[in-house]
Amino acid sequence: MKNKFIHSELFSKVLFTLMMVVLMELGRQIVIPSLDSSMSRQVLEASPLLRNLSALTGGQANYPSLFSVGLGPYMTGMILFQAIQLLDIDELNKINDYKRGMIQRWISFVIALLQTLQFIYTIREHINFSGIKVWGIDYNLIVAFFVLVAGAMIVAWMSDMITKYGIGGSGVLILPGMIDSIPRVLLYGQGLGSGAVFFTPKLWLVLVISVAVVVIFTIFINKAELRIPLQRPFVQNDFSESYLPIRVLAAGSMPFMFTTTVFMIPSYIGSFVPEGEFNRFVQNYVAFDNPVGILIYCSIIVFLGYVFSFMNFQTERLTKNLKKSGDYIFNVVPGTATRHYLNQRLFHLSTVANIFFLIIVGTPLIVGLYLPEITNFAFVFANILILITIIDTTMDQFKTMYLRMRYDLL
C-alpha cells in the first residue's frame, strides 16, 4: 500500500501542493528593489487595512515583496465573475471554460492594478527615486509597480495550477500567512480601537477554553447540511436515496475574509481628508471600541453572509439544471416554484449560519467594551473559522482520492 501511495496520483497532487506553498513563501520573502525596506515596513505596519488584507489573502504587509499583493486580485476577480453569472446572461452561459478563465484573469489583472496603486501610494515616500524618467514617471517607481502586478498575476496562475494539479484549492496558499498572523492579531489586534493586550494566566485559560469551544462548534456546523430528497425518474438507484444537499455554511468563510477589510475602508478613505466631517464620523464611530462600530461590523457580516450564500449556491442555475435533467423535489413544481423553495431553504440556513457568526465574533466584541483585552478574541475566532473551512476542504479531497486509490479495476 505504501508503494502504491508513492506512485499514485494523490501523492503527486500532495507533492505539487507542497511545492506551490513553498514557492508562495519564497515569493513573500523576495524584497522589491528600489525601496527602503526598513521605512516601508514601518509604514505598512501602521496601515491596518493593508495588514488585514494581506493576512487574509496570503500577501506580505510586513515589508514590500514580490507577493505583497497576494491572492486578493484572484479572489476578488472570482467573486465578481460569480456575481456576473448570477445575472444569467445567455451569451456568458454559452462560452467555453477557456474563455471563462480568460475573463476571470482580465478581471484579476484590473484589480491587481488597483491594489498595486493603493500599495504604492501607501509607501510612496520611501521609494528610492533614481532620477531617470520614463514618460515623466520615475524609473524605480515603474519597476516597483510592475513587479507587484507581476507578482499578483503569478499568484493567480499558481492558484489555477494548484486547483488543477494539486489538492485543497487556492485556499492552501494562504494557510501559512493565516497561521503566522494569528499571534499578531491576538496580541496587537486589528487597529481601530483594538489594541495590544497583556496576557495573564487567567486570560490564557479563558482563551484556551473558548478556542476549544469555537473549534468544536465550527467543525460541527461546517459539516451540517440540509438534505432535500430528490425524485429522479430517469435514474434507477436501488442502493441509496438521492438528495440535494444545502450546507448550513453555504457562504463558507468568505464573509470573514472580507468583513474586516470592508469595515476598514471608510477609515482609509477618510484619511485623505483628515479635517472633513466624514473622517470625524469615522474616527468617532467606525471602530471596535464603541457600540455603533460593533453594530456596523456585525451588520456587514450578516449582509455578506447572505450574499455569499446565494452567490455560492446559485439557485437559479441549479433550478434550470434540475429541470433539464428531469429531477424534481417531491410536491414542488419544477421551475419557478422550485427556485422559490430553494431560496427559502437557503435563506433559513443562512440565517442560522449568521447567528453562529454573530455569536463567535459579536460576543467578544461586546464583552470587549467592558474588558478590552477580550476584543482581540473576535479576530482570532474569525481566523480559526477560515482555517477550519480550508483544512476541511483539503481533508475531504484527500480522503476522496485516498479511497479511490484503494479500489482496483476489475
Protein backbone atom coordinates (compact mmCIF):
# COMPACT_ATOMS: atom_id res chain seq x y z
CA MET A 1 0.00 0.00 0.00
CA LYS A 2 2.93 2.32 0.75
CA ASN A 3 4.45 1.78 -2.70
CA LYS A 4 1.04 2.22 -4.27
CA PHE A 5 0.60 5.57 -2.50
CA ILE A 6 4.03 6.84 -3.59
CA HIS A 7 3.23 6.09 -7.24
CA SER A 8 -0.37 7.34 -7.04
CA GLU A 9 -2.00 10.49 -8.37
CA LEU A 10 -2.73 11.53 -4.77
CA PHE A 11 0.98 11.58 -3.87
CA SER A 12 1.69 13.71 -6.96
CA LYS A 13 -1.04 16.18 -6.00
CA VAL A 14 0.18 16.44 -2.42
CA LEU A 15 3.76 16.97 -3.62
CA PHE A 16 2.65 19.59 -6.13
CA THR A 17 0.65 21.41 -3.44
CA LEU A 18 3.62 21.49 -1.08
CA MET A 19 5.80 22.83 -3.89
CA MET A 20 3.32 25.67 -4.57
CA VAL A 21 3.19 26.54 -0.85
CA VAL A 22 6.99 26.67 -0.71
CA LEU A 23 7.10 28.89 -3.82
CA MET A 24 4.48 31.15 -2.24
CA GLU A 25 6.60 31.55 0.88
CA LEU A 26 9.75 32.18 -1.16
CA GLY A 27 7.98 34.86 -3.20
CA ARG A 28 6.84 36.53 0.02
CA GLN A 29 10.49 36.89 1.05
CA ILE A 30 11.79 38.42 -2.22
CA VAL A 31 12.16 42.12 -1.47
CA ILE A 32 11.24 44.59 -4.20
CA PRO A 33 14.27 46.55 -5.43
CA SER A 34 14.49 50.33 -5.19
CA LEU A 35 12.59 50.51 -1.90
CA ASP A 36 13.71 51.49 1.58
CA SER A 37 12.66 48.24 3.28
CA SER A 38 13.01 49.41 6.90
CA MET A 39 10.96 52.58 6.41
CA SER A 40 8.39 50.80 4.22
CA ARG A 41 7.97 48.19 6.94
CA GLN A 42 7.05 50.90 9.47
CA VAL A 43 4.54 52.46 7.08
CA LEU A 44 2.87 49.14 6.25
CA GLU A 45 2.68 48.11 9.91
CA ALA A 46 0.84 51.36 10.58
CA SER A 47 -1.84 50.54 7.97
CA PRO A 48 -4.48 48.19 9.49
CA LEU A 49 -6.30 47.91 6.15
CA LEU A 50 -3.30 46.63 4.18
CA ARG A 51 -2.14 44.47 7.08
CA ASN A 52 -5.53 42.78 7.39
CA LEU A 53 -5.98 42.36 3.64
CA SER A 54 -2.55 40.79 3.30
CA ALA A 55 -3.09 38.37 6.20
CA LEU A 56 -6.36 37.11 4.69
CA THR A 57 -5.08 36.79 1.12
CA GLY A 58 -1.60 35.36 1.64
CA GLY A 59 0.13 38.67 0.92
CA GLN A 60 3.06 40.28 2.69
CA ALA A 61 2.45 43.52 4.57
CA ASN A 62 5.48 43.32 6.85
CA TYR A 63 7.67 44.67 4.04
CA PRO A 64 7.29 45.13 0.26
CA SER A 65 7.92 41.82 -1.51
CA LEU A 66 7.13 40.11 -4.81
CA PHE A 67 3.90 38.62 -3.44
CA SER A 68 2.83 41.52 -1.22
CA VAL A 69 -0.49 41.84 -3.08
CA GLY A 70 -1.19 38.13 -2.58
CA LEU A 71 -4.38 36.36 -3.62
CA GLY A 72 -6.55 39.47 -3.30
CA PRO A 73 -6.99 40.13 -7.04
CA TYR A 74 -7.60 36.44 -7.80
CA MET A 75 -10.23 36.04 -5.07
CA THR A 76 -11.97 39.32 -5.87
CA GLY A 77 -11.97 38.52 -9.60
CA MET A 78 -13.50 35.12 -8.92
CA ILE A 79 -16.22 36.64 -6.74
CA LEU A 80 -17.04 39.35 -9.29
CA PHE A 81 -17.29 36.74 -12.04
CA GLN A 82 -19.67 34.67 -9.90
CA ALA A 83 -21.75 37.79 -9.33
CA ILE A 84 -21.89 38.40 -13.09
CA GLN A 85 -23.01 34.80 -13.60
CA LEU A 86 -25.96 35.40 -11.29
CA LEU A 87 -27.33 37.75 -13.95
CA ASP A 88 -27.86 34.61 -16.07
CA ILE A 89 -26.74 36.23 -19.35
CA ASP A 90 -27.22 33.79 -22.24
CA GLU A 91 -24.07 34.90 -24.09
CA LEU A 92 -22.00 34.31 -20.96
CA ASN A 93 -23.52 30.88 -20.35
CA LYS A 94 -22.58 29.74 -23.86
CA ILE A 95 -18.87 30.50 -23.72
CA ASN A 96 -16.38 27.68 -23.07
CA ASP A 97 -14.21 27.16 -19.99
CA TYR A 98 -11.13 28.68 -21.64
CA LYS A 99 -12.92 31.98 -22.31
CA ARG A 100 -14.38 31.98 -18.82
CA GLY A 101 -10.88 31.61 -17.42
CA MET A 102 -9.60 34.45 -19.58
CA ILE A 103 -12.40 36.74 -18.42
CA GLN A 104 -11.57 35.99 -14.79
CA ARG A 105 -7.86 36.63 -15.44
CA TRP A 106 -8.58 40.02 -17.02
CA ILE A 107 -10.78 40.97 -14.07
CA SER A 108 -7.99 39.86 -11.71
CA PHE A 109 -5.47 41.89 -13.72
CA VAL A 110 -7.53 45.10 -13.42
CA ILE A 111 -7.96 44.55 -9.68
CA ALA A 112 -4.22 43.84 -9.35
CA LEU A 113 -3.50 47.22 -10.95
CA LEU A 114 -5.82 48.98 -8.50
CA GLN A 115 -4.48 47.20 -5.41
CA THR A 116 -0.91 47.84 -6.50
CA LEU A 117 -1.68 51.54 -6.92
CA GLN A 118 -3.02 51.56 -3.36
CA PHE A 119 0.09 49.75 -2.11
CA ILE A 120 2.47 52.09 -3.96
CA TYR A 121 0.57 55.15 -2.73
CA THR A 122 0.98 53.98 0.88
CA ILE A 123 4.78 53.62 0.62
CA ARG A 124 5.35 56.37 -1.99
CA GLU A 125 7.58 58.46 0.29
CA HIS A 126 10.04 55.61 0.81
CA ILE A 127 10.82 54.76 -2.81
CA ASN A 128 14.44 55.45 -3.76
CA PHE A 129 13.84 57.63 -6.81
CA SER A 130 16.58 57.22 -9.41
CA GLY A 131 16.06 60.48 -11.25
CA ILE A 132 15.62 58.59 -14.54
CA LYS A 133 12.25 59.46 -16.05
CA VAL A 134 10.10 57.30 -18.35
CA TRP A 135 7.12 59.23 -19.72
CA GLY A 136 7.60 61.65 -16.84
CA ILE A 137 7.49 58.91 -14.16
CA ASP A 138 10.49 57.82 -12.12
CA TYR A 139 12.03 54.55 -13.33
CA ASN A 140 12.19 52.94 -9.86
CA LEU A 141 8.51 53.71 -9.28
CA ILE A 142 7.63 51.95 -12.55
CA VAL A 143 9.79 48.94 -11.63
CA ALA A 144 8.15 48.61 -8.20
CA PHE A 145 4.68 48.89 -9.72
CA PHE A 146 5.20 46.25 -12.40
CA VAL A 147 6.96 43.86 -10.01
CA LEU A 148 3.96 43.97 -7.67
CA VAL A 149 1.47 43.47 -10.53
CA ALA A 150 3.55 40.61 -11.95
CA GLY A 151 3.68 39.00 -8.51
CA ALA A 152 -0.11 39.20 -8.18
CA MET A 153 -0.60 37.53 -11.57
CA ILE A 154 1.96 34.81 -10.74
CA VAL A 155 -0.04 34.05 -7.59
CA ALA A 156 -3.23 33.90 -9.70
CA TRP A 157 -1.50 31.41 -12.02
CA MET A 158 -0.34 29.37 -9.02
CA SER A 159 -3.93 29.28 -7.74
CA ASP A 160 -5.14 27.90 -11.06
CA MET A 161 -2.36 25.31 -11.11
CA ILE A 162 -2.99 24.13 -7.57
CA THR A 163 -6.70 23.78 -8.36
CA LYS A 164 -5.89 21.72 -11.44
CA TYR A 165 -2.88 19.67 -10.32
CA GLY A 166 -2.89 19.98 -6.52
CA ILE A 167 -5.22 19.43 -3.61
CA GLY A 168 -7.18 21.81 -1.41
CA GLY A 169 -7.57 24.61 -3.94
CA SER A 170 -6.16 28.12 -3.76
CA GLY A 171 -7.02 28.40 -0.06
CA VAL A 172 -3.99 26.27 0.79
CA LEU A 173 -1.72 29.11 -0.36
CA ILE A 174 -2.97 31.44 2.36
CA LEU A 175 -2.67 28.91 5.21
CA PRO A 176 0.94 29.83 6.22
CA GLY A 177 0.13 33.54 6.21
CA MET A 178 -3.06 32.98 8.20
CA ILE A 179 -1.31 30.86 10.84
CA ASP A 180 1.53 33.39 11.03
CA SER A 181 -0.93 36.28 11.55
CA ILE A 182 -2.92 34.73 14.44
CA PRO A 183 -0.36 35.53 17.20
CA ARG A 184 -0.03 39.12 15.96
CA VAL A 185 -3.81 39.58 15.81
CA LEU A 186 -4.17 38.10 19.29
CA LEU A 187 -1.51 40.32 20.87
CA TYR A 188 -1.98 43.56 18.93
CA GLY A 189 -5.47 43.42 17.36
CA GLN A 190 -6.58 44.85 14.04
CA GLY A 191 -6.40 48.52 14.91
CA LEU A 192 -9.40 50.89 15.02
CA GLY A 193 -9.87 50.52 18.76
CA SER A 194 -8.40 47.04 19.21
CA GLY A 195 -5.01 47.47 20.85
CA ALA A 196 -2.22 45.47 22.45
CA VAL A 197 -3.09 43.01 25.21
CA PHE A 198 -1.05 41.85 28.19
CA PHE A 199 -1.99 38.23 28.92
CA THR A 200 -2.35 36.92 32.44
CA PRO A 201 -2.59 33.18 33.30
CA LYS A 202 -6.35 33.58 33.84
CA LEU A 203 -6.76 35.22 30.42
CA TRP A 204 -4.75 32.44 28.77
CA LEU A 205 -7.08 29.90 30.37
CA VAL A 206 -10.14 31.74 29.07
CA LEU A 207 -8.56 31.86 25.60
CA VAL A 208 -7.75 28.13 25.52
CA ILE A 209 -11.25 27.11 26.65
CA SER A 210 -13.02 29.50 24.27
CA VAL A 211 -10.85 28.43 21.32
CA ALA A 212 -11.62 24.76 22.05
CA VAL A 213 -15.37 25.51 22.13
CA VAL A 214 -15.21 27.55 18.89
CA VAL A 215 -13.23 24.83 17.11
CA ILE A 216 -15.69 22.08 18.12
CA PHE A 217 -18.80 24.04 17.14
CA THR A 218 -17.21 25.29 13.91
CA ILE A 219 -16.30 21.75 12.81
CA PHE A 220 -19.85 20.62 13.60
CA ILE A 221 -21.65 23.43 11.79
CA ASN A 222 -19.23 23.29 8.86
CA LYS A 223 -20.31 19.69 8.27
CA ALA A 224 -24.01 20.34 8.86
CA GLU A 225 -26.29 20.33 5.82
CA LEU A 226 -29.95 20.07 4.88
CA ARG A 227 -30.65 17.12 2.57
CA ILE A 228 -33.67 17.65 0.34
CA PRO A 229 -34.91 14.34 -1.17
CA LEU A 230 -34.91 14.30 -4.99
CA GLN A 231 -37.17 12.34 -7.29
CA ARG A 232 -35.08 11.07 -10.24
CA PRO A 233 -37.39 9.30 -12.69
CA PHE A 234 -34.63 8.75 -15.28
CA VAL A 235 -32.14 7.24 -12.81
CA GLN A 236 -32.57 3.80 -11.26
CA ASN A 237 -30.80 3.54 -7.90
CA ASP A 238 -31.65 0.70 -5.51
CA PHE A 239 -28.82 1.33 -3.05
CA SER A 240 -29.44 4.80 -1.68
CA GLU A 241 -31.81 7.72 -1.90
CA SER A 242 -30.95 10.76 -3.97
CA TYR A 243 -30.94 14.12 -2.28
CA LEU A 244 -29.91 17.73 -2.83
CA PRO A 245 -27.58 18.94 -0.04
CA ILE A 246 -27.57 22.56 1.15
CA ARG A 247 -24.79 23.33 3.61
CA VAL A 248 -25.51 25.50 6.62
CA LEU A 249 -22.28 27.39 5.92
CA ALA A 250 -23.11 27.86 2.25
CA ALA A 251 -21.15 31.12 2.38
CA GLY A 252 -18.09 29.27 3.71
CA SER A 253 -15.53 31.53 5.34
CA MET A 254 -15.86 34.28 2.73
CA PRO A 255 -17.80 36.73 4.97
CA PHE A 256 -14.93 36.76 7.49
CA MET A 257 -12.32 37.15 4.75
CA PHE A 258 -13.90 40.42 3.59
CA THR A 259 -15.81 41.89 6.56
CA THR A 260 -12.84 43.48 8.36
CA THR A 261 -11.50 44.87 5.09
CA VAL A 262 -14.87 46.42 4.20
CA PHE A 263 -15.17 47.78 7.74
CA MET A 264 -11.76 49.48 7.49
CA ILE A 265 -12.29 51.06 4.06
CA PRO A 266 -14.11 54.18 5.43
CA SER A 267 -11.15 54.97 7.71
CA TYR A 268 -8.80 54.64 4.75
CA ILE A 269 -10.96 56.97 2.63
CA GLY A 270 -11.34 59.45 5.49
CA SER A 271 -7.56 59.72 5.87
CA PHE A 272 -7.40 61.60 2.56
CA VAL A 273 -9.38 64.49 4.09
CA PRO A 274 -8.38 64.47 7.78
CA GLU A 275 -10.38 67.60 8.67
CA GLY A 276 -13.59 66.58 6.90
CA GLU A 277 -16.91 65.66 8.52
CA PHE A 278 -16.74 62.14 7.10
CA ASN A 279 -13.38 61.46 8.75
CA ARG A 280 -14.66 62.82 12.08
CA PHE A 281 -17.64 60.46 11.89
CA VAL A 282 -15.33 57.55 11.07
CA GLN A 283 -12.96 58.37 13.93
CA ASN A 284 -15.85 58.57 16.40
CA TYR A 285 -17.94 55.58 15.36
CA VAL A 286 -16.23 53.22 12.87
CA ALA A 287 -14.13 51.41 15.46
CA PHE A 288 -14.21 48.27 17.57
CA ASP A 289 -14.36 50.11 20.89
CA ASN A 290 -17.88 51.56 20.64
CA PRO A 291 -21.39 50.05 20.19
CA VAL A 292 -22.06 51.79 16.87
CA GLY A 293 -18.88 50.39 15.33
CA ILE A 294 -19.67 46.87 16.57
CA LEU A 295 -23.20 47.14 15.16
CA ILE A 296 -21.80 48.23 11.78
CA TYR A 297 -19.26 45.39 11.81
CA CYS A 298 -21.86 42.75 12.68
CA SER A 299 -24.24 44.14 10.04
CA ILE A 300 -21.53 43.71 7.40
CA ILE A 301 -21.02 40.09 8.49
CA VAL A 302 -24.75 39.35 8.19
CA PHE A 303 -25.03 41.08 4.81
CA LEU A 304 -22.01 39.28 3.36
CA GLY A 305 -23.23 36.00 4.87
CA TYR A 306 -26.44 36.18 2.83
CA VAL A 307 -24.71 37.49 -0.29
CA PHE A 308 -22.05 34.78 -0.43
CA SER A 309 -24.57 32.04 0.40
CA PHE A 310 -26.73 32.87 -2.61
CA MET A 311 -23.68 33.55 -4.75
CA ASN A 312 -22.11 30.16 -3.99
CA PHE A 313 -25.30 28.09 -4.20
CA GLN A 314 -26.76 29.78 -7.33
CA THR A 315 -30.36 28.60 -7.04
CA GLU A 316 -31.28 29.96 -10.48
CA ARG A 317 -28.73 27.79 -12.27
CA LEU A 318 -29.47 24.77 -10.07
CA THR A 319 -33.19 25.05 -10.80
CA LYS A 320 -32.54 25.06 -14.55
CA ASN A 321 -30.24 22.04 -14.29
CA LEU A 322 -32.86 20.09 -12.30
CA LYS A 323 -35.49 20.88 -14.89
CA LYS A 324 -33.24 19.83 -17.78
CA SER A 325 -32.35 16.51 -16.14
CA GLY A 326 -35.95 15.72 -15.23
CA ASP A 327 -35.23 15.65 -11.49
CA TYR A 328 -37.65 17.35 -9.10
CA ILE A 329 -38.44 17.86 -5.45
CA PHE A 330 -41.49 15.99 -4.20
CA ASN A 331 -44.62 18.19 -4.05
CA VAL A 332 -42.75 21.13 -5.63
CA VAL A 333 -43.43 22.12 -9.24
CA PRO A 334 -40.24 22.35 -11.38
CA GLY A 335 -39.19 25.83 -12.44
CA THR A 336 -40.15 29.00 -10.58
CA ALA A 337 -41.72 27.16 -7.63
CA THR A 338 -38.55 25.10 -7.15
CA ARG A 339 -36.41 28.23 -7.22
CA HIS A 340 -38.59 29.90 -4.57
CA TYR A 341 -38.48 26.74 -2.45
CA LEU A 342 -34.67 26.53 -2.63
CA ASN A 343 -34.27 30.27 -1.96
CA GLN A 344 -36.45 29.94 1.14
CA ARG A 345 -34.50 26.97 2.47
CA LEU A 346 -31.17 28.65 1.72
CA PHE A 347 -32.30 31.83 3.45
CA HIS A 348 -33.25 29.90 6.59
CA LEU A 349 -29.93 28.05 6.69
CA SER A 350 -28.00 31.27 6.05
CA THR A 351 -29.84 32.86 8.98
CA VAL A 352 -28.66 30.01 11.23
CA ALA A 353 -25.10 30.50 9.92
CA ASN A 354 -25.26 34.27 10.51
CA ILE A 355 -26.44 33.72 14.09
CA PHE A 356 -23.42 31.47 14.59
CA PHE A 357 -21.15 34.12 13.03
CA LEU A 358 -22.55 36.80 15.33
CA ILE A 359 -22.10 34.63 18.43
CA ILE A 360 -18.44 33.80 17.84
CA VAL A 361 -17.47 37.31 16.68
CA GLY A 362 -20.04 39.64 18.20
CA THR A 363 -19.81 38.23 21.74
CA PRO A 364 -16.06 39.02 22.23
CA LEU A 365 -16.56 42.49 20.74
CA ILE A 366 -19.45 43.28 23.11
CA VAL A 367 -17.59 41.89 26.12
CA GLY A 368 -14.57 43.90 24.91
CA LEU A 369 -16.49 47.12 25.59
CA TYR A 370 -16.10 46.33 29.30
CA LEU A 371 -12.98 44.12 29.19
CA PRO A 372 -10.83 45.49 26.30
CA GLU A 373 -8.43 42.52 26.38
CA ILE A 374 -11.26 40.25 25.13
CA THR A 375 -11.77 42.25 21.90
CA ASN A 376 -8.91 40.54 20.06
CA PHE A 377 -10.53 37.14 20.64
CA ALA A 378 -13.07 38.01 17.94
CA PHE A 379 -10.40 38.23 15.25
CA VAL A 380 -8.73 35.02 16.44
CA PHE A 381 -12.06 33.17 16.25
CA ALA A 382 -12.65 34.52 12.73
CA ASN A 383 -9.22 33.31 11.60
CA ILE A 384 -9.88 29.90 13.18
CA LEU A 385 -13.12 29.56 11.22
CA ILE A 386 -11.32 30.39 7.98
CA LEU A 387 -8.57 27.86 8.76
CA ILE A 388 -11.06 25.11 9.61
CA THR A 389 -13.03 25.55 6.38
CA ILE A 390 -9.85 25.47 4.28
CA ILE A 391 -8.39 22.46 6.11
CA ASP A 392 -11.74 20.63 6.00
CA THR A 393 -11.99 21.10 2.23
CA THR A 394 -8.43 19.85 1.80
CA MET A 395 -9.03 16.80 4.00
CA ASP A 396 -12.25 15.92 2.16
CA GLN A 397 -10.42 15.95 -1.17
CA PHE A 398 -7.58 13.91 0.31
CA LYS A 399 -9.92 11.25 1.74
CA THR A 400 -11.89 11.01 -1.51
CA MET A 401 -8.75 10.45 -3.58
CA TYR A 402 -7.30 8.06 -0.99
CA LEU A 403 -10.43 5.89 -1.02
CA ARG A 404 -10.46 5.92 -4.82
CA MET A 405 -6.84 4.77 -4.80
CA ARG A 406 -7.74 1.70 -2.71
CA TYR A 407 -10.03 0.31 -5.41
CA ASP A 408 -8.68 -1.87 -8.19
CA LEU A 409 -10.25 -2.13 -11.64
CA LEU A 410 -11.87 -5.48 -12.37
